[in-house]
N, C-alpha and C. Protein backbone atom coordinates (compact mmCIF):
# COMPACT_ATOMS: atom_id res chain seq x y z
N MET A 1 -37.79 -52.65 90.37
CA MET A 1 -37.72 -52.20 91.77
C MET A 1 -37.47 -50.65 91.71
N LYS A 2 -36.42 -50.25 90.98
CA LYS A 2 -36.13 -48.78 90.91
C LYS A 2 -37.18 -48.00 90.37
N LEU A 3 -37.99 -48.45 89.46
CA LEU A 3 -38.94 -47.89 88.71
C LEU A 3 -40.06 -47.53 89.84
N LEU A 4 -40.35 -48.48 90.60
CA LEU A 4 -41.33 -48.45 91.68
C LEU A 4 -40.95 -47.31 92.67
N ARG A 5 -39.78 -47.36 92.98
CA ARG A 5 -39.42 -46.19 93.91
C ARG A 5 -39.37 -44.87 93.37
N ILE A 6 -39.10 -44.81 92.14
CA ILE A 6 -39.20 -43.36 91.41
C ILE A 6 -40.71 -43.00 91.35
N ILE A 7 -41.55 -43.95 91.00
CA ILE A 7 -42.92 -43.59 90.86
C ILE A 7 -43.36 -43.25 92.39
N LEU A 8 -43.02 -43.97 93.38
CA LEU A 8 -43.48 -43.59 94.76
C LEU A 8 -42.99 -42.21 95.02
N LEU A 9 -41.66 -41.98 94.89
CA LEU A 9 -41.18 -40.68 95.14
C LEU A 9 -41.75 -39.30 94.48
N VAL A 10 -42.14 -39.55 93.27
CA VAL A 10 -42.67 -38.51 92.34
C VAL A 10 -44.23 -38.31 92.79
N SER A 11 -44.82 -39.47 93.18
CA SER A 11 -46.40 -39.30 93.53
C SER A 11 -46.73 -39.04 94.89
N LEU A 12 -45.79 -39.31 95.83
CA LEU A 12 -46.01 -39.18 97.28
C LEU A 12 -46.46 -37.67 97.60
N PRO A 13 -45.92 -36.64 97.12
CA PRO A 13 -46.31 -35.37 97.38
C PRO A 13 -47.79 -35.07 96.99
N LEU A 14 -48.18 -35.62 95.81
CA LEU A 14 -49.33 -35.42 95.32
C LEU A 14 -50.37 -36.34 96.02
N ILE A 15 -50.07 -37.59 96.51
CA ILE A 15 -51.04 -38.36 97.28
C ILE A 15 -51.19 -37.64 98.71
N SER A 16 -50.08 -37.29 99.23
CA SER A 16 -50.17 -36.67 100.61
C SER A 16 -49.66 -35.25 100.49
N PRO A 17 -50.48 -34.27 100.28
CA PRO A 17 -50.07 -32.91 100.21
C PRO A 17 -49.49 -32.26 101.59
N GLY A 18 -49.64 -32.81 102.56
CA GLY A 18 -49.10 -32.46 103.94
C GLY A 18 -47.64 -32.83 104.08
N ILE A 19 -47.28 -33.80 103.19
CA ILE A 19 -45.92 -34.22 103.23
C ILE A 19 -45.31 -33.80 101.86
N GLY A 20 -44.71 -32.68 101.71
CA GLY A 20 -44.21 -32.29 100.48
C GLY A 20 -42.65 -32.20 100.52
N ALA A 21 -42.13 -31.92 99.38
CA ALA A 21 -40.58 -31.88 99.34
C ALA A 21 -40.33 -30.55 99.31
N ALA A 22 -41.10 -29.55 99.60
CA ALA A 22 -40.74 -28.03 99.51
C ALA A 22 -39.91 -27.88 100.61
N CYS A 23 -39.81 -28.45 101.81
CA CYS A 23 -38.90 -28.08 102.93
C CYS A 23 -37.62 -28.85 102.79
N VAL A 24 -36.48 -28.03 102.65
CA VAL A 24 -35.15 -28.47 102.36
C VAL A 24 -34.28 -27.61 103.40
N CYS A 25 -33.83 -28.33 104.43
CA CYS A 25 -32.83 -27.50 105.29
C CYS A 25 -31.57 -27.76 104.87
N SER A 26 -30.66 -26.85 105.08
CA SER A 26 -29.36 -26.80 104.76
C SER A 26 -28.51 -27.78 105.72
N PRO A 27 -27.84 -28.71 105.32
CA PRO A 27 -27.13 -29.60 106.22
C PRO A 27 -25.94 -29.08 106.79
N THR A 28 -25.60 -27.90 106.21
CA THR A 28 -24.33 -27.33 106.75
C THR A 28 -24.60 -26.13 107.66
N SER A 29 -25.70 -25.94 108.07
CA SER A 29 -26.24 -24.73 109.07
C SER A 29 -25.39 -24.82 110.32
N THR A 30 -24.88 -23.80 110.71
CA THR A 30 -24.09 -23.89 112.12
C THR A 30 -25.07 -23.13 113.10
N VAL A 31 -24.80 -23.22 114.38
CA VAL A 31 -25.45 -22.43 115.31
C VAL A 31 -25.27 -21.01 115.05
N GLN A 32 -24.08 -20.63 114.73
CA GLN A 32 -23.74 -19.16 114.53
C GLN A 32 -24.60 -18.61 113.19
N MET A 33 -24.77 -19.44 112.23
CA MET A 33 -25.47 -19.11 111.12
C MET A 33 -27.01 -18.96 111.44
N SER A 34 -27.57 -19.91 112.29
CA SER A 34 -28.96 -19.72 112.68
C SER A 34 -29.04 -18.59 113.55
N PHE A 35 -28.03 -18.28 114.52
CA PHE A 35 -28.25 -17.06 115.29
C PHE A 35 -28.26 -15.63 114.56
N ASP A 36 -27.28 -15.79 113.45
CA ASP A 36 -27.27 -14.58 112.61
C ASP A 36 -28.58 -14.35 111.91
N GLN A 37 -29.28 -15.44 111.41
CA GLN A 37 -30.42 -15.40 110.67
C GLN A 37 -31.67 -15.03 111.47
N SER A 38 -31.59 -15.23 112.91
CA SER A 38 -32.78 -14.98 113.81
C SER A 38 -32.78 -13.67 114.38
N ASP A 39 -34.08 -13.13 114.67
CA ASP A 39 -34.14 -11.91 115.30
C ASP A 39 -34.20 -11.98 116.69
N ILE A 40 -34.61 -13.21 117.30
CA ILE A 40 -34.73 -13.44 118.77
C ILE A 40 -34.20 -14.94 119.02
N VAL A 41 -33.46 -15.07 120.08
CA VAL A 41 -33.02 -16.48 120.51
C VAL A 41 -33.05 -16.37 122.10
N PHE A 42 -33.98 -17.35 122.42
CA PHE A 42 -34.20 -17.43 123.89
C PHE A 42 -34.52 -18.88 124.40
N GLN A 43 -34.42 -19.10 125.73
CA GLN A 43 -34.84 -20.22 126.44
C GLN A 43 -36.03 -19.76 127.23
N GLY A 44 -37.14 -20.62 127.22
CA GLY A 44 -38.18 -20.49 127.97
C GLY A 44 -39.30 -21.36 128.05
N GLU A 45 -40.24 -21.34 128.94
CA GLU A 45 -41.25 -22.41 129.01
C GLU A 45 -42.51 -21.89 128.12
N MET A 46 -43.10 -22.67 127.34
CA MET A 46 -44.22 -22.42 126.71
C MET A 46 -45.46 -22.42 127.80
N ILE A 47 -46.04 -21.32 128.06
CA ILE A 47 -47.08 -21.18 129.18
C ILE A 47 -48.36 -21.12 128.65
N ALA A 48 -48.67 -20.83 127.32
CA ALA A 48 -50.09 -20.82 126.88
C ALA A 48 -50.09 -20.86 125.35
N HIS A 49 -51.31 -21.26 124.81
CA HIS A 49 -51.60 -21.31 123.45
C HIS A 49 -52.72 -20.52 123.26
N LYS A 50 -52.66 -19.36 122.59
CA LYS A 50 -53.80 -18.54 122.31
C LYS A 50 -53.79 -18.31 120.85
N GLY A 51 -54.95 -18.74 120.29
CA GLY A 51 -55.11 -18.61 118.91
C GLY A 51 -54.05 -19.42 118.14
N ASN A 52 -53.34 -18.67 117.27
CA ASN A 52 -52.25 -19.30 116.44
C ASN A 52 -50.88 -18.81 117.20
N LEU A 53 -50.95 -18.45 118.36
CA LEU A 53 -49.64 -18.23 119.01
C LEU A 53 -49.26 -18.86 120.21
N ALA A 54 -47.95 -19.35 120.44
CA ALA A 54 -47.49 -19.98 121.49
C ALA A 54 -46.94 -18.84 122.35
N ILE A 55 -47.28 -18.69 123.57
CA ILE A 55 -46.78 -17.75 124.49
C ILE A 55 -45.71 -18.33 125.38
N PHE A 56 -44.55 -17.69 125.66
CA PHE A 56 -43.41 -18.16 126.21
C PHE A 56 -43.06 -17.20 127.35
N ARG A 57 -42.86 -17.85 128.56
CA ARG A 57 -42.17 -17.05 129.60
C ARG A 57 -40.55 -17.24 129.39
N VAL A 58 -39.99 -16.09 129.14
CA VAL A 58 -38.57 -16.01 128.71
C VAL A 58 -37.70 -16.17 129.96
N ASP A 59 -36.89 -17.08 130.06
CA ASP A 59 -36.01 -17.25 131.10
C ASP A 59 -34.71 -16.61 130.91
N ASP A 60 -33.99 -17.04 129.73
CA ASP A 60 -32.88 -16.49 129.50
C ASP A 60 -32.82 -16.19 127.94
N TYR A 61 -32.02 -15.05 127.45
CA TYR A 61 -32.11 -14.74 126.07
C TYR A 61 -30.65 -14.34 125.56
N TRP A 62 -30.44 -14.64 124.27
CA TRP A 62 -29.09 -14.20 123.75
C TRP A 62 -29.33 -13.21 122.63
N LYS A 63 -30.58 -13.01 122.14
CA LYS A 63 -30.60 -12.01 120.98
C LYS A 63 -32.11 -11.50 121.24
N GLY A 64 -32.28 -10.22 120.96
CA GLY A 64 -33.54 -9.52 121.04
C GLY A 64 -33.60 -8.78 122.43
N ASN A 65 -34.59 -8.02 122.53
CA ASN A 65 -34.74 -7.34 123.76
C ASN A 65 -36.09 -7.82 124.32
N LEU A 66 -36.00 -8.91 125.06
CA LEU A 66 -37.12 -9.90 125.61
C LEU A 66 -37.17 -9.52 126.97
N GLU A 67 -38.44 -9.12 127.47
CA GLU A 67 -38.79 -8.86 128.67
C GLU A 67 -40.06 -9.75 129.15
N GLY A 68 -39.93 -10.65 129.93
CA GLY A 68 -41.13 -11.45 130.47
C GLY A 68 -41.73 -12.40 129.43
N ARG A 69 -42.36 -12.10 128.42
CA ARG A 69 -43.00 -13.05 127.56
C ARG A 69 -42.78 -12.60 126.18
N VAL A 70 -42.97 -13.70 125.38
CA VAL A 70 -42.78 -13.61 123.90
C VAL A 70 -43.84 -14.41 123.28
N ALA A 71 -44.39 -14.02 122.17
CA ALA A 71 -45.34 -14.79 121.32
C ALA A 71 -44.83 -15.25 119.94
N VAL A 72 -44.80 -16.64 119.67
CA VAL A 72 -44.29 -17.12 118.44
C VAL A 72 -45.24 -17.99 117.78
N GLU A 73 -45.40 -17.82 116.56
CA GLU A 73 -46.48 -18.55 115.90
C GLU A 73 -46.62 -20.13 116.24
N TRP A 74 -47.77 -20.52 116.56
CA TRP A 74 -47.93 -21.71 116.84
C TRP A 74 -48.24 -22.61 115.66
N ARG A 75 -47.39 -23.38 115.20
CA ARG A 75 -47.52 -24.00 113.85
C ARG A 75 -46.60 -25.28 113.72
N ARG A 76 -47.22 -26.43 113.13
CA ARG A 76 -46.39 -27.45 113.04
C ARG A 76 -45.43 -27.27 111.86
N GLY A 77 -44.18 -27.57 111.88
CA GLY A 77 -43.16 -27.33 110.97
C GLY A 77 -43.05 -28.48 109.95
N ASP A 78 -43.79 -29.60 109.94
CA ASP A 78 -43.52 -30.70 109.12
C ASP A 78 -44.66 -30.60 108.11
N ARG A 79 -45.13 -29.53 107.67
CA ARG A 79 -46.27 -29.33 106.74
C ARG A 79 -45.86 -28.94 105.18
N GLY A 80 -44.48 -29.11 105.04
CA GLY A 80 -43.99 -28.73 103.70
C GLY A 80 -43.10 -27.56 103.43
N ASP A 81 -43.20 -26.43 104.29
CA ASP A 81 -42.59 -25.38 104.11
C ASP A 81 -41.46 -25.10 105.17
N CYS A 82 -41.34 -26.01 106.19
CA CYS A 82 -40.49 -25.89 107.16
C CYS A 82 -40.80 -24.84 108.37
N ASP A 83 -41.70 -23.92 108.15
CA ASP A 83 -42.00 -22.98 109.29
C ASP A 83 -42.80 -23.59 110.33
N GLY A 84 -42.28 -23.53 111.52
CA GLY A 84 -43.08 -23.89 112.64
C GLY A 84 -42.14 -24.83 113.60
N PHE A 85 -42.77 -25.40 114.53
CA PHE A 85 -42.13 -26.17 115.64
C PHE A 85 -42.31 -27.60 115.13
N TRP A 86 -41.41 -28.69 115.62
CA TRP A 86 -41.72 -30.02 115.59
C TRP A 86 -42.92 -30.35 116.41
N LEU A 87 -43.80 -31.24 115.99
CA LEU A 87 -45.05 -31.52 116.69
C LEU A 87 -44.81 -31.93 118.24
N ARG A 88 -43.61 -32.61 118.47
CA ARG A 88 -43.34 -32.94 119.96
C ARG A 88 -43.02 -31.87 120.80
N ASP A 89 -42.65 -30.53 120.23
CA ASP A 89 -42.38 -29.53 121.03
C ASP A 89 -43.60 -28.53 121.18
N LEU A 90 -44.63 -28.80 120.54
CA LEU A 90 -45.90 -27.87 120.52
C LEU A 90 -46.76 -28.21 121.76
N LYS A 91 -46.15 -27.98 122.90
CA LYS A 91 -46.99 -28.46 124.02
C LYS A 91 -46.72 -27.33 125.13
N VAL A 92 -47.91 -26.80 125.82
CA VAL A 92 -47.83 -26.06 126.99
C VAL A 92 -47.03 -26.75 127.91
N GLY A 93 -46.06 -26.10 128.64
CA GLY A 93 -45.18 -26.63 129.68
C GLY A 93 -43.82 -27.16 129.21
N LYS A 94 -43.47 -27.12 127.95
CA LYS A 94 -42.32 -27.53 127.27
C LYS A 94 -41.27 -26.31 127.61
N ASP A 95 -40.11 -26.70 127.91
CA ASP A 95 -38.86 -25.69 128.22
C ASP A 95 -38.14 -25.72 126.90
N LEU A 96 -38.04 -24.78 126.08
CA LEU A 96 -37.54 -24.88 124.77
C LEU A 96 -36.43 -23.83 124.52
N LEU A 97 -35.51 -23.96 123.80
CA LEU A 97 -34.52 -23.05 123.20
C LEU A 97 -35.22 -22.68 121.85
N VAL A 98 -35.28 -21.43 121.66
CA VAL A 98 -36.08 -20.88 120.47
C VAL A 98 -35.30 -20.00 119.61
N PHE A 99 -35.15 -20.27 118.38
CA PHE A 99 -34.60 -19.27 117.42
C PHE A 99 -35.73 -18.84 116.58
N ALA A 100 -35.96 -17.51 116.38
CA ALA A 100 -37.21 -17.18 115.64
C ALA A 100 -36.90 -15.94 114.83
N LYS A 101 -37.56 -15.74 113.76
CA LYS A 101 -37.52 -14.39 112.84
C LYS A 101 -38.65 -13.72 112.98
N LEU A 102 -38.60 -12.45 112.72
CA LEU A 102 -39.85 -11.57 112.97
C LEU A 102 -40.45 -11.45 111.38
N GLY A 103 -41.49 -11.85 111.22
CA GLY A 103 -42.16 -11.72 109.89
C GLY A 103 -42.64 -10.23 109.58
N ARG A 104 -42.90 -9.96 108.24
CA ARG A 104 -43.47 -8.63 107.91
C ARG A 104 -44.66 -8.32 108.68
N ASP A 105 -45.46 -9.30 109.10
CA ASP A 105 -46.63 -9.03 109.80
C ASP A 105 -46.66 -8.88 111.35
N GLY A 106 -45.23 -8.86 111.76
CA GLY A 106 -44.96 -8.61 113.16
C GLY A 106 -44.99 -9.78 114.01
N VAL A 107 -45.19 -11.00 113.57
CA VAL A 107 -45.15 -12.18 114.22
C VAL A 107 -43.99 -13.02 114.03
N TYR A 108 -43.40 -13.47 115.26
CA TYR A 108 -42.23 -14.33 115.19
C TYR A 108 -42.51 -15.67 114.74
N ARG A 109 -41.67 -16.29 114.10
CA ARG A 109 -41.72 -17.60 113.45
C ARG A 109 -40.61 -18.28 113.76
N THR A 110 -40.47 -19.54 113.92
CA THR A 110 -39.41 -20.57 114.08
C THR A 110 -39.60 -21.41 112.87
N SER A 111 -38.52 -22.30 112.68
CA SER A 111 -38.57 -23.15 111.56
C SER A 111 -37.91 -24.59 112.07
N ILE A 112 -38.29 -25.74 111.56
CA ILE A 112 -37.67 -26.84 111.93
C ILE A 112 -36.30 -26.91 111.39
N CYS A 113 -35.85 -25.95 110.62
CA CYS A 113 -34.44 -26.03 110.17
C CYS A 113 -33.51 -25.25 111.02
N LEU A 114 -34.27 -24.48 111.95
CA LEU A 114 -33.49 -23.86 113.10
C LEU A 114 -33.17 -24.78 114.29
N PRO A 115 -32.18 -24.55 115.01
CA PRO A 115 -32.05 -25.39 116.14
C PRO A 115 -32.99 -25.20 117.34
N THR A 116 -34.21 -24.96 117.00
CA THR A 116 -35.19 -24.78 118.14
C THR A 116 -35.68 -26.25 118.59
N GLY A 117 -35.72 -26.30 119.89
CA GLY A 117 -36.04 -27.61 120.41
C GLY A 117 -35.98 -27.60 121.93
N PRO A 118 -36.17 -28.78 122.65
CA PRO A 118 -36.09 -28.88 124.01
C PRO A 118 -34.88 -28.41 124.62
N ALA A 119 -34.90 -27.56 125.56
CA ALA A 119 -33.74 -27.09 126.26
C ALA A 119 -32.94 -28.08 126.76
N ALA A 120 -33.46 -29.19 127.35
CA ALA A 120 -32.56 -30.30 127.93
C ALA A 120 -31.72 -31.02 126.81
N ASP A 121 -32.27 -30.95 125.55
CA ASP A 121 -31.57 -31.55 124.47
C ASP A 121 -30.65 -30.62 123.69
N SER A 122 -30.45 -29.34 124.24
CA SER A 122 -29.90 -28.23 123.53
C SER A 122 -28.68 -27.68 124.43
N ARG A 123 -28.09 -28.46 125.25
CA ARG A 123 -27.01 -28.11 126.13
C ARG A 123 -25.83 -27.72 125.25
N ARG A 124 -25.43 -28.46 124.28
CA ARG A 124 -24.30 -28.07 123.46
C ARG A 124 -24.51 -26.76 122.74
N ILE A 125 -25.70 -26.54 122.32
CA ILE A 125 -26.08 -25.29 121.52
C ILE A 125 -26.04 -24.07 122.49
N ILE A 126 -26.52 -24.32 123.84
CA ILE A 126 -26.55 -23.37 124.80
C ILE A 126 -25.04 -22.95 125.23
N GLN A 127 -24.19 -23.97 125.16
CA GLN A 127 -22.80 -23.66 125.62
C GLN A 127 -22.13 -22.94 124.54
N GLU A 128 -22.54 -23.25 123.31
CA GLU A 128 -21.91 -22.49 121.98
C GLU A 128 -22.34 -21.07 122.06
N LEU A 129 -23.56 -20.87 122.49
CA LEU A 129 -24.23 -19.45 122.40
C LEU A 129 -23.42 -18.57 123.46
N GLY A 130 -23.04 -19.28 124.59
CA GLY A 130 -22.21 -18.67 125.61
C GLY A 130 -23.35 -18.04 126.77
N PRO A 131 -22.78 -17.20 127.75
CA PRO A 131 -23.66 -16.77 128.66
C PRO A 131 -24.85 -15.67 128.01
N GLY A 132 -25.92 -16.21 128.60
CA GLY A 132 -27.06 -15.45 127.95
C GLY A 132 -27.59 -14.43 129.15
N ASN A 133 -28.48 -13.58 128.71
CA ASN A 133 -29.00 -12.64 129.60
C ASN A 133 -30.22 -13.12 130.48
N HIS A 134 -30.09 -13.20 131.69
CA HIS A 134 -31.02 -13.72 132.65
C HIS A 134 -32.31 -12.79 132.62
N ASN A 135 -33.40 -13.19 132.45
CA ASN A 135 -34.68 -12.26 132.47
C ASN A 135 -35.03 -11.94 133.85
N PRO A 136 -34.82 -10.69 134.38
CA PRO A 136 -35.20 -10.46 135.76
C PRO A 136 -36.72 -10.46 135.91
N ALA A 137 -37.36 -10.35 134.93
CA ALA A 137 -38.88 -10.16 134.93
C ALA A 137 -39.53 -11.75 134.87
N LYS A 138 -38.61 -12.81 135.04
CA LYS A 138 -39.08 -14.06 134.96
C LYS A 138 -40.02 -14.32 136.14
N SER A 139 -39.71 -13.95 137.39
CA SER A 139 -40.51 -14.43 138.40
C SER A 139 -41.71 -13.45 138.39
N ASP A 140 -41.71 -12.21 137.93
CA ASP A 140 -43.00 -11.42 137.70
C ASP A 140 -43.87 -12.04 136.64
N ALA A 141 -43.28 -12.55 135.51
CA ALA A 141 -44.05 -13.05 134.39
C ALA A 141 -44.88 -14.36 134.81
N ALA A 142 -44.43 -15.01 135.85
CA ALA A 142 -45.15 -16.36 136.27
C ALA A 142 -46.32 -15.98 136.99
N HIS A 143 -46.62 -14.68 137.44
CA HIS A 143 -47.95 -14.25 138.25
C HIS A 143 -48.83 -13.74 137.27
């Protein structure tokens, strides 16, 4: 039985290349560590999907100079390298708390290893972040 498990664990990435073992998130990451590693941290609604970008209307932000809207790479994070959103969160209309890093190509990216997720499920994290900056352009960005 043990041998069968070992064979399955070793061959699964070869059989299903979309499910690899390359993504390993640190189990000891804290909100502060994620904040420090990120270039932007905000809460907002995903209002559009354009090409490979998710467009967000920023409601509140804790890091970065964000006014109105921000684009983050539209990508599933469960494809082996951790970069991207959980599939359940990749939907226009979702209100998310987003931690993202700026890539060398000028595109913001999140990771399933960061505490990016539905704002309603992120109350503890938002409390830990403390008061954010309310985006005065929020009402303008909706038009």
